[in-house]
Amino acid sequence: MAFLSYHLKTLFLFTKSDVKTTVIPVSVFAAAATPLVSFDCLPHVIFWVWLHLLQFDVSNQYLDPTEDALNKPDRPIPSG
């Protein structure tokens, strides 16, 4: 169980600084723009947006780790 929680925490650390600026607003706009019959789909939307953000952040951190080491040293790749 510790193995799984370690990896989930690492995945969250990639996107932690972007949750308030990306995941929440995009999810709210998606919920407002679509004719939802129920809010059962909302967790799926939030997870889908987060997955795309995770892919973007991992790619961004991988391409230039020296810049992220200066700007965001708490992220997984720059912190080692």
N, C-alpha and C. Protein backbone atom coordinates (compact mmCIF):
# COMPACT_ATOMS: atom_id res chain seq x y z
N MET A 1 0.82 -1.19 0.00
CA MET A 1 0.00 0.00 0.00
C MET A 1 0.86 1.26 0.00
N ALA A 2 1.99 1.21 0.69
CA ALA A 2 2.89 2.36 0.72
C ALA A 2 3.45 2.65 -0.67
N PHE A 3 3.66 1.60 -1.45
CA PHE A 3 4.15 1.75 -2.82
C PHE A 3 3.16 2.55 -3.65
N LEU A 4 1.89 2.22 -3.55
CA LEU A 4 0.85 2.91 -4.31
C LEU A 4 0.69 4.36 -3.85
N SER A 5 0.68 4.59 -2.55
CA SER A 5 0.52 5.96 -2.06
C SER A 5 1.72 6.82 -2.43
N TYR A 6 2.92 6.24 -2.47
CA TYR A 6 4.11 6.99 -2.88
C TYR A 6 3.96 7.47 -4.32
N HIS A 7 3.52 6.59 -5.21
CA HIS A 7 3.39 6.96 -6.62
C HIS A 7 2.22 7.91 -6.86
N LEU A 8 1.13 7.75 -6.15
CA LEU A 8 0.02 8.69 -6.29
C LEU A 8 0.42 10.08 -5.81
N LYS A 9 1.18 10.14 -4.73
CA LYS A 9 1.65 11.43 -4.23
C LYS A 9 2.60 12.08 -5.25
N THR A 10 3.46 11.28 -5.86
CA THR A 10 4.37 11.81 -6.88
C THR A 10 3.61 12.36 -8.06
N LEU A 11 2.58 11.64 -8.52
CA LEU A 11 1.76 12.14 -9.63
C LEU A 11 1.07 13.44 -9.25
N PHE A 12 0.58 13.52 -8.03
CA PHE A 12 -0.08 14.75 -7.58
C PHE A 12 0.91 15.91 -7.52
N LEU A 13 2.15 15.65 -7.11
CA LEU A 13 3.14 16.72 -7.00
C LEU A 13 3.47 17.35 -8.35
N PHE A 14 3.33 16.59 -9.44
CA PHE A 14 3.54 17.16 -10.76
C PHE A 14 2.54 18.27 -11.05
N THR A 15 1.31 18.12 -10.58
CA THR A 15 0.23 19.04 -10.95
C THR A 15 -0.26 19.91 -9.80
N LYS A 16 0.34 19.79 -8.64
CA LYS A 16 -0.17 20.48 -7.44
C LYS A 16 -0.33 21.99 -7.65
N SER A 17 0.63 22.62 -8.28
CA SER A 17 0.57 24.07 -8.43
C SER A 17 -0.41 24.52 -9.52
N ASP A 18 -0.93 23.59 -10.31
CA ASP A 18 -1.84 23.94 -11.40
C ASP A 18 -3.29 23.53 -11.16
N VAL A 19 -3.58 22.96 -10.02
CA VAL A 19 -4.96 22.51 -9.77
C VAL A 19 -5.91 23.70 -9.70
N LYS A 20 -5.54 24.74 -8.95
CA LYS A 20 -6.43 25.90 -8.81
C LYS A 20 -6.52 26.73 -10.08
N THR A 21 -5.47 26.72 -10.88
CA THR A 21 -5.46 27.57 -12.07
C THR A 21 -5.92 26.87 -13.34
N THR A 22 -5.95 25.54 -13.33
CA THR A 22 -6.32 24.82 -14.55
C THR A 22 -7.45 23.83 -14.34
N VAL A 23 -7.28 22.89 -13.43
CA VAL A 23 -8.26 21.81 -13.29
C VAL A 23 -9.62 22.34 -12.87
N ILE A 24 -9.66 23.17 -11.86
CA ILE A 24 -10.94 23.67 -11.35
C ILE A 24 -11.65 24.56 -12.38
N PRO A 25 -10.99 25.58 -12.95
CA PRO A 25 -11.71 26.41 -13.92
C PRO A 25 -12.16 25.66 -15.17
N VAL A 26 -11.31 24.80 -15.71
CA VAL A 26 -11.69 24.05 -16.91
C VAL A 26 -12.84 23.11 -16.61
N SER A 27 -12.83 22.48 -15.45
CA SER A 27 -13.93 21.58 -15.08
C SER A 27 -15.23 22.34 -14.89
N VAL A 28 -15.16 23.52 -14.30
CA VAL A 28 -16.36 24.34 -14.12
C VAL A 28 -16.91 24.77 -15.48
N PHE A 29 -16.03 25.22 -16.37
CA PHE A 29 -16.48 25.62 -17.70
C PHE A 29 -17.06 24.44 -18.47
N ALA A 30 -16.46 23.26 -18.33
CA ALA A 30 -16.98 22.07 -19.00
C ALA A 30 -18.36 21.71 -18.47
N ALA A 31 -18.54 21.81 -17.16
CA ALA A 31 -19.85 21.51 -16.57
C ALA A 31 -20.89 22.53 -17.00
N ALA A 32 -20.49 23.79 -17.14
CA ALA A 32 -21.43 24.84 -17.53
C ALA A 32 -21.77 24.78 -19.02
N ALA A 33 -20.86 24.29 -19.83
CA ALA A 33 -21.05 24.31 -21.28
C ALA A 33 -21.78 23.08 -21.82
N THR A 34 -21.83 22.03 -21.04
CA THR A 34 -22.48 20.81 -21.53
C THR A 34 -23.82 20.60 -20.85
N PRO A 35 -24.75 20.02 -21.57
CA PRO A 35 -26.05 19.73 -20.95
C PRO A 35 -25.98 18.46 -20.10
N LEU A 36 -25.53 18.60 -18.88
CA LEU A 36 -25.43 17.44 -17.99
C LEU A 36 -26.81 17.03 -17.51
N VAL A 37 -27.10 15.77 -17.65
CA VAL A 37 -28.34 15.23 -17.12
C VAL A 37 -28.22 15.09 -15.60
N SER A 38 -27.05 14.66 -15.17
CA SER A 38 -26.76 14.56 -13.74
C SER A 38 -25.29 14.91 -13.53
N PHE A 39 -24.93 15.08 -12.30
CA PHE A 39 -23.55 15.41 -11.98
C PHE A 39 -22.69 14.17 -11.76
N ASP A 40 -23.19 13.01 -12.16
CA ASP A 40 -22.41 11.78 -12.03
C ASP A 40 -21.18 11.79 -12.93
N CYS A 41 -21.22 12.54 -14.02
CA CYS A 41 -20.09 12.60 -14.95
C CYS A 41 -19.01 13.58 -14.51
N LEU A 42 -19.30 14.41 -13.55
CA LEU A 42 -18.35 15.44 -13.13
C LEU A 42 -17.02 14.88 -12.63
N PRO A 43 -16.98 13.83 -11.81
CA PRO A 43 -15.67 13.27 -11.42
C PRO A 43 -14.86 12.77 -12.62
N HIS A 44 -15.56 12.21 -13.60
CA HIS A 44 -14.88 11.76 -14.82
C HIS A 44 -14.27 12.94 -15.56
N VAL A 45 -14.99 14.04 -15.65
CA VAL A 45 -14.49 15.25 -16.32
C VAL A 45 -13.27 15.79 -15.58
N ILE A 46 -13.36 15.87 -14.28
CA ILE A 46 -12.23 16.39 -13.49
C ILE A 46 -11.01 15.50 -13.65
N PHE A 47 -11.20 14.19 -13.62
CA PHE A 47 -10.07 13.26 -13.79
C PHE A 47 -9.48 13.38 -15.19
N TRP A 48 -10.32 13.52 -16.20
CA TRP A 48 -9.86 13.65 -17.59
C TRP A 48 -9.03 14.93 -17.77
N VAL A 49 -9.49 16.02 -17.22
CA VAL A 49 -8.75 17.29 -17.29
C VAL A 49 -7.42 17.15 -16.55
N TRP A 50 -7.45 16.51 -15.39
CA TRP A 50 -6.22 16.32 -14.61
C TRP A 50 -5.22 15.45 -15.37
N LEU A 51 -5.68 14.41 -16.06
CA LEU A 51 -4.77 13.56 -16.83
C LEU A 51 -4.07 14.35 -17.93
N HIS A 52 -4.82 15.21 -18.61
CA HIS A 52 -4.20 16.04 -19.64
C HIS A 52 -3.21 17.02 -19.03
N LEU A 53 -3.53 17.58 -17.91
CA LEU A 53 -2.61 18.48 -17.21
C LEU A 53 -1.36 17.72 -16.77
N LEU A 54 -1.52 16.51 -16.29
CA LEU A 54 -0.38 15.69 -15.88
C LEU A 54 0.56 15.44 -17.05
N GLN A 55 0.00 15.09 -18.20
CA GLN A 55 0.82 14.85 -19.39
C GLN A 55 1.58 16.12 -19.78
N PHE A 56 0.91 17.24 -19.76
CA PHE A 56 1.54 18.51 -20.11
C PHE A 56 2.66 18.86 -19.12
N ASP A 57 2.39 18.73 -17.83
CA ASP A 57 3.38 19.09 -16.82
C ASP A 57 4.60 18.17 -16.85
N VAL A 58 4.39 16.88 -17.03
CA VAL A 58 5.52 15.95 -17.10
C VAL A 58 6.38 16.27 -18.31
N SER A 59 5.74 16.51 -19.44
CA SER A 59 6.48 16.86 -20.65
C SER A 59 7.24 18.17 -20.47
N ASN A 60 6.59 19.15 -19.90
CA ASN A 60 7.21 20.45 -19.68
C ASN A 60 8.41 20.35 -18.73
N GLN A 61 8.28 19.60 -17.67
CA GLN A 61 9.36 19.47 -16.70
C GLN A 61 10.51 18.63 -17.25
N TYR A 62 10.19 17.67 -18.10
CA TYR A 62 11.22 16.81 -18.68
C TYR A 62 12.08 17.57 -19.69
N LEU A 63 11.46 18.48 -20.45
CA LEU A 63 12.19 19.18 -21.50
C LEU A 63 13.19 20.19 -20.97
N ASP A 64 12.92 20.84 -19.86
CA ASP A 64 13.83 21.85 -19.33
C ASP A 64 13.87 21.80 -17.80
N PRO A 65 14.52 20.78 -17.25
CA PRO A 65 14.55 20.66 -15.78
C PRO A 65 15.35 21.76 -15.09
N THR A 66 16.30 22.38 -15.79
CA THR A 66 17.08 23.44 -15.15
C THR A 66 16.23 24.68 -14.88
N GLU A 67 15.32 25.00 -15.80
CA GLU A 67 14.42 26.14 -15.58
C GLU A 67 13.47 25.86 -14.42
N ASP A 68 12.93 24.64 -14.37
CA ASP A 68 12.03 24.29 -13.28
C ASP A 68 12.77 24.19 -11.95
N ALA A 69 14.05 23.87 -11.99
CA ALA A 69 14.83 23.83 -10.74
C ALA A 69 14.91 25.22 -10.12
N LEU A 70 14.88 26.25 -10.95
CA LEU A 70 14.89 27.62 -10.44
C LEU A 70 13.49 28.11 -10.07
N ASN A 71 12.51 27.84 -10.94
CA ASN A 71 11.16 28.37 -10.77
C ASN A 71 10.29 27.56 -9.82
N LYS A 72 10.35 26.25 -9.94
CA LYS A 72 9.49 25.37 -9.13
C LYS A 72 10.31 24.19 -8.62
N PRO A 73 11.19 24.42 -7.66
CA PRO A 73 12.07 23.35 -7.19
C PRO A 73 11.36 22.24 -6.41
N ASP A 74 10.11 22.45 -6.04
CA ASP A 74 9.39 21.43 -5.28
C ASP A 74 8.80 20.34 -6.17
N ARG A 75 8.82 20.52 -7.48
CA ARG A 75 8.26 19.51 -8.38
C ARG A 75 9.18 18.30 -8.46
N PRO A 76 8.64 17.12 -8.82
CA PRO A 76 9.41 15.88 -8.73
C PRO A 76 10.69 15.82 -9.57
N ILE A 77 10.67 16.25 -10.82
CA ILE A 77 11.87 16.12 -11.65
C ILE A 77 12.97 17.07 -11.20
N PRO A 78 12.71 18.36 -10.98
CA PRO A 78 13.80 19.23 -10.52
C PRO A 78 14.33 18.89 -9.13
N SER A 79 13.47 18.35 -8.28
CA SER A 79 13.93 18.04 -6.92
C SER A 79 14.71 16.73 -6.85
N GLY A 80 14.67 15.96 -7.94
CA GLY A 80 15.46 14.73 -7.98
C GLY A 80 14.68 13.59 -7.50
